Amino acid sequence: MNNKIRCQSCGMPIAEEFGNFGTNADGTNTKDYCSFCFSNGYFTNPNQTMEEMIASSVENMAQDLQMPLEQATNLANSFIPTLGRWQK
């Protein structure tokens, strides 16, 4: 993937220009997670599994980005497991 800062939960590009940084408990921005995954110091879906994140990412890429399903599936399965939240 390119050199953009990416959410370490879902892989979405995050940037000040998008206004989608997640927030820490003290209200400051975190560069680790997007606002969809992390808010006020907590994951928005704390019990979500990596497999569930992969499935939702495939759905979002296929629907919102009009990416072919096979390409979205391959990308999500190869990229999501490398992100910080999913490291064991």
Protein backbone atom coordinates (compact mmCIF):
# COMPACT_ATOMS: atom_id res chain seq x y z
CA MET A 1 0.00 0.00 0.00
CA ASN A 2 1.08 3.60 -0.38
CA ASN A 3 2.75 5.72 2.29
CA LYS A 4 -0.43 7.28 3.69
CA ILE A 5 -1.13 6.96 7.40
CA ARG A 6 -3.59 4.10 7.74
CA CYS A 7 -5.87 3.00 10.53
CA GLN A 8 -4.29 0.08 12.34
CA SER A 9 -7.69 -1.57 12.65
CA CYS A 10 -9.39 -1.26 9.24
CA GLY A 11 -6.63 0.08 6.96
CA MET A 12 -8.52 3.22 5.92
CA PRO A 13 -6.31 6.20 5.03
CA ILE A 14 -6.49 8.78 7.82
CA ALA A 15 -5.54 12.42 7.55
CA GLU A 16 -6.31 15.82 8.95
CA GLU A 17 -7.81 16.81 5.60
CA PHE A 18 -10.33 13.96 5.93
CA GLY A 19 -11.06 14.79 9.59
CA ASN A 20 -11.16 11.10 10.40
CA PHE A 21 -8.56 10.60 13.12
CA GLY A 22 -9.79 8.57 16.06
CA THR A 23 -9.68 10.20 19.48
CA ASN A 24 -7.95 9.32 22.72
CA ALA A 25 -9.74 9.46 26.08
CA ASP A 26 -8.51 13.05 26.55
CA GLY A 27 -10.02 14.13 23.22
CA THR A 28 -6.72 14.38 21.33
CA ASN A 29 -6.35 12.74 17.94
CA THR A 30 -4.61 9.43 17.54
CA LYS A 31 -2.73 8.65 14.36
CA ASP A 32 -3.16 4.92 14.99
CA TYR A 33 -6.87 4.57 14.33
CA CYS A 34 -9.67 6.20 12.34
CA SER A 35 -12.78 7.71 13.88
CA PHE A 36 -14.89 4.77 12.69
CA CYS A 37 -12.79 2.29 14.68
CA PHE A 38 -11.66 4.28 17.73
CA SER A 39 -13.36 7.04 19.71
CA ASN A 40 -12.73 8.56 23.15
CA GLY A 41 -9.97 6.04 23.87
CA TYR A 42 -11.98 2.92 23.01
CA PHE A 43 -12.62 0.75 19.99
CA THR A 44 -16.10 1.45 18.67
CA ASN A 45 -16.62 -2.29 18.21
CA PRO A 46 -14.36 -3.84 20.88
CA ASN A 47 -15.49 -7.42 20.30
CA GLN A 48 -15.03 -7.35 16.54
CA THR A 49 -12.83 -10.15 15.27
CA MET A 50 -10.29 -9.83 12.50
CA GLU A 51 -12.48 -12.04 10.33
CA GLU A 52 -15.42 -9.69 10.86
CA MET A 53 -13.23 -6.70 9.98
CA ILE A 54 -12.10 -8.44 6.80
CA ALA A 55 -15.71 -9.17 5.82
CA SER A 56 -16.83 -5.57 6.41
CA SER A 57 -13.79 -4.23 4.54
CA VAL A 58 -14.57 -6.43 1.54
CA GLU A 59 -18.17 -5.23 1.59
CA ASN A 60 -17.14 -1.56 1.83
CA MET A 61 -14.54 -1.78 -0.92
CA ALA A 62 -16.91 -3.65 -3.25
CA GLN A 63 -19.89 -1.35 -2.64
CA ASP A 64 -18.41 2.07 -1.89
CA LEU A 65 -15.31 1.90 -4.09
CA GLN A 66 -16.85 -0.29 -6.82
CA MET A 67 -13.88 -2.66 -6.50
CA PRO A 68 -14.38 -6.12 -7.99
CA LEU A 69 -15.28 -8.60 -5.23
CA GLU A 70 -12.31 -10.88 -5.89
CA GLN A 71 -9.87 -7.94 -5.75
CA ALA A 72 -11.46 -6.59 -2.54
CA THR A 73 -11.31 -10.05 -0.95
CA ASN A 74 -7.66 -10.56 -1.87
CA LEU A 75 -6.69 -7.09 -0.66
CA ALA A 76 -8.52 -7.36 2.67
CA ASN A 77 -7.19 -10.85 3.39
CA SER A 78 -3.62 -9.84 2.66
CA PHE A 79 -3.64 -6.40 4.33
CA ILE A 80 -5.92 -6.43 7.40
CA PRO A 81 -3.92 -9.14 9.25
CA THR A 82 -0.78 -6.97 9.03
CA LEU A 83 -2.36 -4.07 10.94
CA GLY A 84 -1.44 -3.31 14.55
CA ARG A 85 -4.78 -4.19 16.14
CA TRP A 86 -4.65 -7.71 14.77
CA GLN A 87 -1.08 -8.57 15.69
CA LYS A 88 -0.86 -11.25 18.36
